[in-house]
Amino acid sequence: MANTFLTPQVIAKAALATLYETTVMGQLVHRDYSSEFAAKIGDTVTIRKPAVFEAKEYVQGSGITVQNATETGVAVTLNHHADTSFAITNRDLSLKIQDFRTQLLDPALESISQKIDRDIIAAFHTDINQTVGLKAGREWSKPEALIDAGTALNKNKVPALDRHAVIGPVTNGEWLDADILKNHNSSGDTEALREAYLGRRLFGFDPYWTQNIEEPTDPDESEVGIAFHRTAVALVTRPLELPLGSANATVENYKGFGLRVVIGYDQNHKTDTVSVDTIYGIKTLDANRAVLIQGDASGN
């Protein structure tokens, strides 16, 4: 008999933990989540861009200048539907949740987190025009490329806090061999993303790496890394509708991530299945708050 504790709710909470722990880009960009209504793929929702204020010089006795907290509404289409479904047996459902996570759930959720990261990276590559990484001594293959990235963001008056840099595995290998990283110990960070963190803040950026930045097919081109402020791009998620007539289904959310888990019987294939899915949209909020890091990989 199946373990009565392995309900969709239990599975969904464990799945969210895995998604949160394994997503890199999804944690670094601006996130917008609301549980006010259940959505479906193709729906358009309106989100608010973070408010922008200007500090005024106060003159004694002149009174203060009250600014309106203008928040611009931005339409975002929920056009991504990530789904990972897998067959299970009664024996699978009788596992303890820790074993179920290790054998089935973690690999399933890692596939979803990788898809989310790849889609966010694609949005940066499509919408961002500012580029650094060619300057001598500050090539894409050196952490010093972030000096020029920081200069570009500074010129655009981008806030200094919440700046991140994300690079691919090849660039990561190059950077880790740089003296600036070899001569400093790891920060000992124990929060989520710790496996992706390069160990210390670099030139005003928190640096991370991800496998989801792919090597170019042209050997003369470099990987395309990204240096950005959190508010450059938004990941927008909404809860999915529960299927009609399914008692073994739930929707859970945590810190801007939402997942639906459905346990059902597939009549076509005569198997029990666990289906984990989520819908989301990605929107560039301000292209001036991000810079691409790329260059010539040929050595010429």
Protein backbone atom coordinates (compact mmCIF):
# COMPACT_ATOMS: atom_id res chain seq x y z
CA MET A 1 0.00 0.00 0.00
CA ALA A 2 1.26 3.48 -0.84
CA ASN A 3 2.74 5.57 1.92
CA THR A 4 -0.14 7.85 2.96
CA PHE A 5 2.33 10.65 3.71
CA LEU A 6 3.41 10.94 0.07
CA THR A 7 0.54 13.19 -0.93
CA PRO A 8 0.66 15.80 -3.72
CA GLN A 9 1.07 18.44 -1.00
CA VAL A 10 4.13 16.72 0.47
CA ILE A 11 5.63 16.16 -2.97
CA ALA A 12 4.95 19.77 -4.01
CA LYS A 13 6.68 21.23 -0.94
CA ALA A 14 9.73 19.04 -1.56
CA ALA A 15 9.65 19.96 -5.26
CA LEU A 16 9.62 23.69 -4.45
CA ALA A 17 12.63 23.24 -2.18
CA THR A 18 14.55 21.59 -5.01
CA LEU A 19 13.47 24.25 -7.53
CA TYR A 20 14.53 27.05 -5.19
CA GLU A 21 17.89 25.43 -4.45
CA THR A 22 18.83 24.65 -8.06
CA THR A 23 17.66 27.74 -9.93
CA VAL A 24 20.37 30.35 -10.47
CA MET A 25 18.95 33.02 -12.79
CA GLY A 26 15.46 32.68 -11.33
CA GLN A 27 16.75 33.78 -7.95
CA LEU A 28 18.82 36.69 -9.19
CA VAL A 29 16.26 38.59 -11.29
CA HIS A 30 13.19 40.47 -10.13
CA ARG A 31 10.33 38.09 -9.34
CA ASP A 32 6.61 38.79 -9.40
CA TYR A 33 4.17 36.24 -7.99
CA SER A 34 0.52 36.58 -7.05
CA SER A 35 -1.90 33.91 -5.88
CA GLU A 36 -4.96 36.08 -6.50
CA PHE A 37 -6.13 34.00 -9.45
CA ALA A 38 -5.23 30.77 -11.21
CA ALA A 39 -3.87 31.35 -14.69
CA LYS A 40 -3.36 29.35 -17.86
CA ILE A 41 -0.76 29.44 -20.59
CA GLY A 42 -1.11 32.50 -22.82
CA ASP A 43 -2.69 34.73 -20.16
CA THR A 44 -1.38 38.29 -19.92
CA VAL A 45 -0.87 39.85 -16.51
CA THR A 46 0.20 43.33 -15.48
CA ILE A 47 3.08 43.74 -13.07
CA ARG A 48 4.57 46.85 -11.51
CA LYS A 49 8.11 47.96 -12.14
CA PRO A 50 9.92 48.93 -8.92
CA ALA A 51 9.43 52.60 -8.10
CA VAL A 52 12.22 55.10 -8.88
CA PHE A 53 12.87 58.14 -6.68
CA GLU A 54 15.27 61.07 -6.84
CA ALA A 55 16.96 62.42 -3.72
CA LYS A 56 16.39 66.19 -3.42
CA GLU A 57 18.62 68.73 -1.72
CA TYR A 58 16.82 69.89 1.41
CA VAL A 59 17.08 73.57 2.29
CA GLN A 60 16.30 74.44 5.89
CA GLY A 61 12.92 76.12 6.20
CA SER A 62 11.91 75.52 2.57
CA GLY A 63 9.84 72.40 3.19
CA ILE A 64 10.21 68.96 1.65
CA THR A 65 9.43 67.86 -1.88
CA VAL A 66 6.93 65.01 -1.86
CA GLN A 67 7.36 62.66 -4.79
CA ASN A 68 4.72 60.37 -6.18
CA ALA A 69 5.64 56.70 -5.99
CA THR A 70 5.04 56.20 -9.67
CA GLU A 71 4.98 52.50 -10.51
CA THR A 72 4.67 51.78 -14.19
CA GLY A 73 2.47 48.85 -15.17
CA VAL A 74 4.07 46.35 -17.55
CA ALA A 75 2.16 43.66 -19.44
CA VAL A 76 3.72 40.21 -19.33
CA THR A 77 2.45 37.16 -21.23
CA LEU A 78 2.67 33.84 -19.43
CA ASN A 79 4.02 32.07 -22.50
CA HIS A 80 6.30 29.45 -20.93
CA HIS A 81 4.88 26.19 -19.60
CA ALA A 82 7.54 23.94 -18.09
CA ASP A 83 6.38 20.38 -17.45
CA THR A 84 8.16 17.26 -16.26
CA SER A 85 6.02 14.16 -15.89
CA PHE A 86 7.24 10.69 -14.98
CA ALA A 87 5.78 7.24 -14.42
CA ILE A 88 5.72 5.85 -10.90
CA THR A 89 4.94 2.54 -9.23
CA ASN A 90 3.30 1.72 -5.94
CA ARG A 91 6.78 0.96 -4.68
CA ASP A 92 7.91 4.49 -5.62
CA LEU A 93 5.03 6.01 -3.68
CA SER A 94 5.88 3.88 -0.66
CA LEU A 95 9.34 5.45 -0.41
CA LYS A 96 10.19 7.95 2.28
CA ILE A 97 10.06 11.48 0.93
CA GLN A 98 13.88 11.82 1.22
CA ASP A 99 14.38 8.74 -0.99
CA PHE A 100 11.64 9.83 -3.39
CA ARG A 101 13.37 13.20 -3.79
CA THR A 102 16.76 11.65 -4.44
CA GLN A 103 15.60 9.06 -6.96
CA LEU A 104 12.86 10.87 -8.85
CA LEU A 105 11.83 14.34 -7.73
CA ASP A 106 15.19 16.13 -7.65
CA PRO A 107 16.15 15.11 -11.22
CA ALA A 108 12.68 16.13 -12.43
CA LEU A 109 12.86 19.56 -10.80
CA GLU A 110 16.40 20.17 -11.93
CA SER A 111 15.14 19.88 -15.50
CA ILE A 112 12.52 22.55 -14.80
CA SER A 113 14.99 24.88 -13.07
CA GLN A 114 17.38 24.55 -16.00
CA LYS A 115 14.62 25.43 -18.47
CA ILE A 116 13.70 28.52 -16.44
CA ASP A 117 17.33 29.62 -16.32
CA ARG A 118 17.83 29.06 -20.06
CA ASP A 119 14.72 31.09 -20.88
CA ILE A 120 15.86 33.98 -18.67
CA ILE A 121 19.33 33.90 -20.23
CA ALA A 122 17.76 33.94 -23.70
CA ALA A 123 15.83 37.10 -22.77
CA PHE A 124 19.06 38.85 -21.75
CA HIS A 125 20.80 37.77 -24.96
CA THR A 126 17.86 39.01 -27.06
CA ASP A 127 17.17 42.35 -25.40
CA ILE A 128 20.53 43.63 -24.11
CA ASN A 129 22.77 45.62 -26.47
CA GLN A 130 25.54 46.86 -24.15
CA THR A 131 28.68 44.70 -24.40
CA VAL A 132 32.04 44.50 -22.64
CA GLY A 133 34.84 41.95 -22.80
CA LEU A 134 37.14 43.03 -25.62
CA LYS A 135 39.32 45.59 -23.84
CA ALA A 136 42.95 44.50 -23.43
CA GLY A 137 43.56 43.26 -19.90
CA ARG A 138 39.82 43.10 -19.29
CA GLU A 139 38.84 40.43 -21.80
CA TRP A 140 35.76 38.24 -21.27
CA SER A 141 38.07 35.53 -19.91
CA LYS A 142 39.22 37.70 -16.99
CA PRO A 143 37.23 38.83 -13.93
CA GLU A 144 38.45 42.36 -14.67
CA ALA A 145 35.85 42.51 -17.45
CA LEU A 146 33.46 43.37 -14.61
CA ILE A 147 35.24 46.70 -14.16
CA ASP A 148 33.94 47.82 -17.55
CA ALA A 149 30.54 46.27 -16.86
CA GLY A 150 30.32 48.28 -13.66
CA THR A 151 31.34 51.45 -15.46
CA ALA A 152 28.57 50.95 -18.02
CA LEU A 153 25.96 50.47 -15.29
CA ASN A 154 27.31 53.44 -13.33
CA LYS A 155 26.92 55.68 -16.37
CA ASN A 156 23.28 54.58 -16.56
CA LYS A 157 22.82 55.45 -12.85
CA VAL A 158 22.03 51.86 -11.91
CA PRO A 159 21.96 51.23 -8.13
CA ALA A 160 25.10 49.64 -6.72
CA LEU A 161 23.24 47.08 -4.62
CA ASP A 162 21.79 43.87 -6.11
CA ARG A 163 24.28 43.67 -8.96
CA HIS A 164 25.07 40.15 -10.17
CA ALA A 165 27.28 38.57 -12.81
CA VAL A 166 26.55 35.14 -14.30
CA ILE A 167 29.04 33.34 -16.54
CA GLY A 168 29.23 29.96 -18.26
CA PRO A 169 31.42 26.93 -17.44
CA VAL A 170 34.25 27.87 -19.82
CA THR A 171 34.49 31.43 -18.52
CA ASN A 172 34.20 30.08 -14.97
CA GLY A 173 37.26 27.91 -15.57
CA GLU A 174 39.19 30.93 -16.85
CA TRP A 175 38.14 33.15 -13.97
CA LEU A 176 38.94 30.59 -11.29
CA ASP A 177 42.50 30.49 -12.60
CA ALA A 178 42.87 34.24 -12.13
CA ASP A 179 45.04 35.48 -9.26
CA ILE A 180 42.26 37.63 -7.86
CA LEU A 181 40.22 34.50 -7.11
CA LYS A 182 43.03 32.05 -6.35
CA ASN A 183 44.45 34.34 -3.68
CA HIS A 184 41.23 34.62 -1.69
CA ASN A 185 39.40 32.02 0.31
CA SER A 186 35.73 31.18 -0.20
CA SER A 187 33.27 33.36 1.67
CA GLY A 188 31.73 30.29 3.35
CA ASP A 189 28.31 31.22 1.98
CA THR A 190 25.69 28.70 3.09
CA GLU A 191 22.57 30.12 1.48
CA ALA A 192 20.85 28.89 -1.67
CA LEU A 193 23.04 29.31 -4.78
CA ARG A 194 26.15 28.44 -2.76
CA GLU A 195 27.26 25.84 -5.31
CA ALA A 196 27.08 28.43 -8.10
CA TYR A 197 28.78 31.25 -6.18
CA LEU A 198 32.41 31.94 -7.12
CA GLY A 199 33.39 32.73 -3.53
CA ARG A 200 33.65 36.50 -3.19
CA ARG A 201 32.24 39.77 -4.46
CA LEU A 202 34.09 41.02 -7.55
CA PHE A 203 34.27 44.66 -8.61
CA GLY A 204 30.82 45.41 -7.21
CA PHE A 205 29.11 42.23 -8.49
CA ASP A 206 28.11 38.96 -6.84
CA PRO A 207 29.51 36.43 -9.36
CA TYR A 208 27.87 33.11 -10.22
CA TRP A 209 28.26 30.49 -12.92
CA THR A 210 25.75 28.20 -14.59
CA GLN A 211 25.85 25.32 -17.06
CA ASN A 212 22.91 26.92 -18.84
CA ILE A 213 25.09 29.48 -20.59
CA GLU A 214 26.03 27.40 -23.59
CA GLU A 215 29.26 27.34 -25.55
CA PRO A 216 28.92 28.99 -28.97
CA THR A 217 29.05 26.83 -32.07
CA ASP A 218 31.60 29.19 -33.63
CA PRO A 219 35.02 28.44 -32.05
CA ASP A 220 36.06 32.08 -32.52
CA GLU A 221 33.27 33.34 -30.29
CA SER A 222 33.21 33.32 -26.50
CA GLU A 223 30.43 32.38 -24.15
CA VAL A 224 28.08 35.27 -23.45
CA GLY A 225 28.02 36.13 -19.77
CA ILE A 226 25.76 38.71 -18.15
CA ALA A 227 26.33 41.49 -15.61
CA PHE A 228 23.10 43.03 -14.39
CA HIS A 229 20.99 44.61 -11.71
CA ARG A 230 18.17 42.53 -10.25
CA THR A 231 15.55 44.82 -11.78
CA ALA A 232 16.80 44.48 -15.36
CA VAL A 233 14.59 41.46 -16.05
CA ALA A 234 11.54 40.01 -14.31
CA LEU A 235 10.43 36.41 -13.88
CA VAL A 236 6.64 36.41 -13.54
CA THR A 237 4.78 33.34 -12.28
CA ARG A 238 1.16 32.59 -11.45
CA PRO A 239 -0.51 29.47 -10.02
CA LEU A 240 -1.97 27.00 -12.49
CA GLU A 241 -5.57 25.89 -12.36
CA LEU A 242 -6.23 22.57 -10.69
CA PRO A 243 -7.53 19.92 -13.12
CA LEU A 244 -11.22 19.08 -12.98
CA GLY A 245 -12.06 15.89 -11.17
CA SER A 246 -8.60 15.32 -9.75
CA ALA A 247 -8.43 14.94 -6.00
CA ASN A 248 -4.71 14.16 -6.09
CA ALA A 249 -3.52 17.61 -7.09
CA THR A 250 -2.21 20.73 -5.41
CA VAL A 251 -0.60 24.08 -6.08
CA GLU A 252 2.14 25.39 -3.81
CA ASN A 253 4.21 28.58 -3.89
CA TYR A 254 7.30 29.84 -2.11
CA LYS A 255 9.25 33.09 -2.52
CA GLY A 256 7.98 33.87 -5.99
CA PHE A 257 7.97 30.32 -7.32
CA GLY A 258 4.82 28.30 -7.88
CA LEU A 259 4.35 24.65 -8.81
CA ARG A 260 1.44 22.36 -9.56
CA VAL A 261 1.70 18.66 -8.74
CA VAL A 262 -0.82 16.14 -10.04
CA ILE A 263 -0.77 12.43 -9.31
CA GLY A 264 -2.96 10.59 -11.79
CA TYR A 265 -3.57 7.45 -13.78
CA ASP A 266 -2.69 7.46 -17.47
CA GLN A 267 -5.37 5.36 -19.16
CA ASN A 268 -3.53 5.37 -22.49
CA HIS A 269 -0.38 3.81 -21.07
CA LYS A 270 -1.84 2.07 -18.01
CA THR A 271 0.57 3.77 -15.62
CA ASP A 272 0.45 6.07 -12.63
CA THR A 273 2.18 9.39 -13.20
CA VAL A 274 3.44 12.36 -11.26
CA SER A 275 3.19 15.59 -13.23
CA VAL A 276 5.01 18.71 -12.06
CA ASP A 277 4.51 21.92 -13.99
CA THR A 278 4.63 25.69 -13.78
CA ILE A 279 3.82 28.62 -16.06
CA TYR A 280 5.78 31.84 -16.26
CA GLY A 281 6.65 34.85 -18.35
CA ILE A 282 9.91 36.74 -18.68
CA LYS A 283 10.08 40.46 -19.31
CA THR A 284 12.98 42.89 -19.73
CA LEU A 285 12.16 45.84 -17.48
CA ASP A 286 15.17 48.03 -18.24
CA ALA A 287 17.78 47.05 -20.84
CA ASN A 288 20.13 49.76 -19.53
CA ARG A 289 20.53 47.78 -16.30
CA ALA A 290 22.39 44.88 -17.91
CA VAL A 291 25.59 44.28 -19.88
CA LEU A 292 26.70 41.27 -21.92
CA ILE A 293 30.22 39.93 -21.39
CA GLN A 294 31.57 38.45 -24.60
CA GLY A 295 34.52 38.63 -26.91
CA ASP A 296 36.89 36.86 -29.23
CA ALA A 297 37.78 33.33 -28.10
CA SER A 298 40.25 32.69 -30.91
CA GLY A 299 43.08 34.47 -29.12
CA ASN A 300 43.63 36.85 -32.02
